[in-house]
Amino acid sequence: MPTPASPGTNQFRCNACGRYFNAADELSTHEADCRAAKVATHTGAENLREEDSRPHAPNDAESKEHPFKHGTKQTD
């Protein structure tokens, strides 16, 4: 059984592949190539558009106390 993540980890999620990162710069480095690969197919582009529009909590927890920080492409 997996152990829960430590506080402050996995705060940034790549919407293209679902992988979590501990820091925004780690996500930013990963995200450009990952998103490009995802949008290479019609189905991938549709899935990514859906994921970008859906809110996610850290570690996919349903918490409204600490808003999830989406990928660096967000405009907030």
Protein backbone atom coordinates (compact mmCIF):
# COMPACT_ATOMS: atom_id res chain seq x y z
CA MET A 1 0.00 0.00 0.00
CA PRO A 2 1.46 3.40 -0.95
CA THR A 3 2.27 5.86 1.78
CA PRO A 4 0.78 9.37 1.71
CA ALA A 5 2.93 12.11 0.23
CA SER A 6 4.67 14.49 2.60
CA PRO A 7 3.12 17.93 3.06
CA GLY A 8 4.16 20.37 0.35
CA THR A 9 4.96 17.68 -2.22
CA ASN A 10 3.18 16.89 -5.47
CA GLN A 11 1.61 20.34 -5.71
CA PHE A 12 2.01 20.69 -9.50
CA ARG A 13 0.34 18.31 -11.99
CA CYS A 14 1.08 17.91 -15.68
CA ASN A 15 -2.32 17.87 -17.34
CA ALA A 16 -0.89 16.04 -20.35
CA CYS A 17 0.32 12.91 -18.55
CA GLY A 18 -0.98 13.28 -14.98
CA ARG A 19 2.47 13.20 -13.38
CA TYR A 20 2.98 15.27 -10.23
CA PHE A 21 5.93 17.55 -9.47
CA ASN A 22 7.14 19.20 -6.28
CA ALA A 23 8.16 22.53 -7.84
CA ALA A 24 6.85 24.75 -10.62
CA ASP A 25 10.21 24.80 -12.39
CA GLU A 26 10.28 20.98 -12.51
CA LEU A 27 6.83 21.00 -14.12
CA SER A 28 7.78 23.80 -16.51
CA THR A 29 10.84 21.86 -17.72
CA HIS A 30 8.78 18.71 -18.27
CA GLU A 31 5.60 20.31 -19.58
CA ALA A 32 6.63 21.72 -22.98
CA ASP A 33 7.66 18.41 -24.54
CA CYS A 34 4.91 16.46 -22.81
CA ARG A 35 2.14 18.76 -24.02
CA ALA A 36 3.57 18.79 -27.55
CA ALA A 37 3.52 14.99 -27.63
CA LYS A 38 -0.04 14.89 -26.30
CA VAL A 39 -1.45 17.28 -28.91
CA ALA A 40 0.21 15.35 -31.75
CA THR A 41 -2.97 13.29 -32.08
CA HIS A 42 -6.58 14.40 -32.31
CA THR A 43 -7.59 12.22 -29.35
CA GLY A 44 -4.67 13.49 -27.26
CA ALA A 45 -5.58 17.11 -28.02
CA GLU A 46 -9.20 16.47 -26.99
CA ASN A 47 -8.10 14.81 -23.74
CA LEU A 48 -5.71 17.64 -22.94
CA ARG A 49 -8.38 20.28 -23.59
CA GLU A 50 -10.68 18.44 -21.16
CA GLU A 51 -7.97 18.10 -18.49
CA ASP A 52 -7.06 21.80 -18.79
CA SER A 53 -10.68 22.77 -18.13
CA ARG A 54 -11.11 20.46 -15.10
CA PRO A 55 -9.93 21.58 -11.65
CA HIS A 56 -7.65 19.17 -9.76
CA ALA A 57 -6.66 19.26 -6.12
CA PRO A 58 -3.10 18.37 -5.02
CA ASN A 59 -2.59 14.60 -5.41
CA ASP A 60 -6.12 14.57 -6.88
CA ALA A 61 -7.49 15.05 -3.36
CA GLU A 62 -10.88 16.74 -3.24
CA SER A 63 -9.75 19.66 -1.11
CA LYS A 64 -11.03 23.18 -1.61
CA GLU A 65 -8.81 24.57 1.19
CA HIS A 66 -5.62 24.57 -0.88
CA PRO A 67 -6.27 25.31 -4.55
CA PHE A 68 -4.35 23.16 -6.99
CA LYS A 69 -1.71 24.92 -9.07
CA HIS A 70 -2.26 23.75 -12.65
CA GLY A 71 0.50 23.73 -15.20
CA THR A 72 2.43 26.84 -16.07
CA LYS A 73 0.08 27.49 -19.02
CA GLN A 74 -2.69 28.67 -16.65
CA THR A 75 -3.40 32.40 -16.68
CA ASP A 76 -4.35 32.83 -12.99
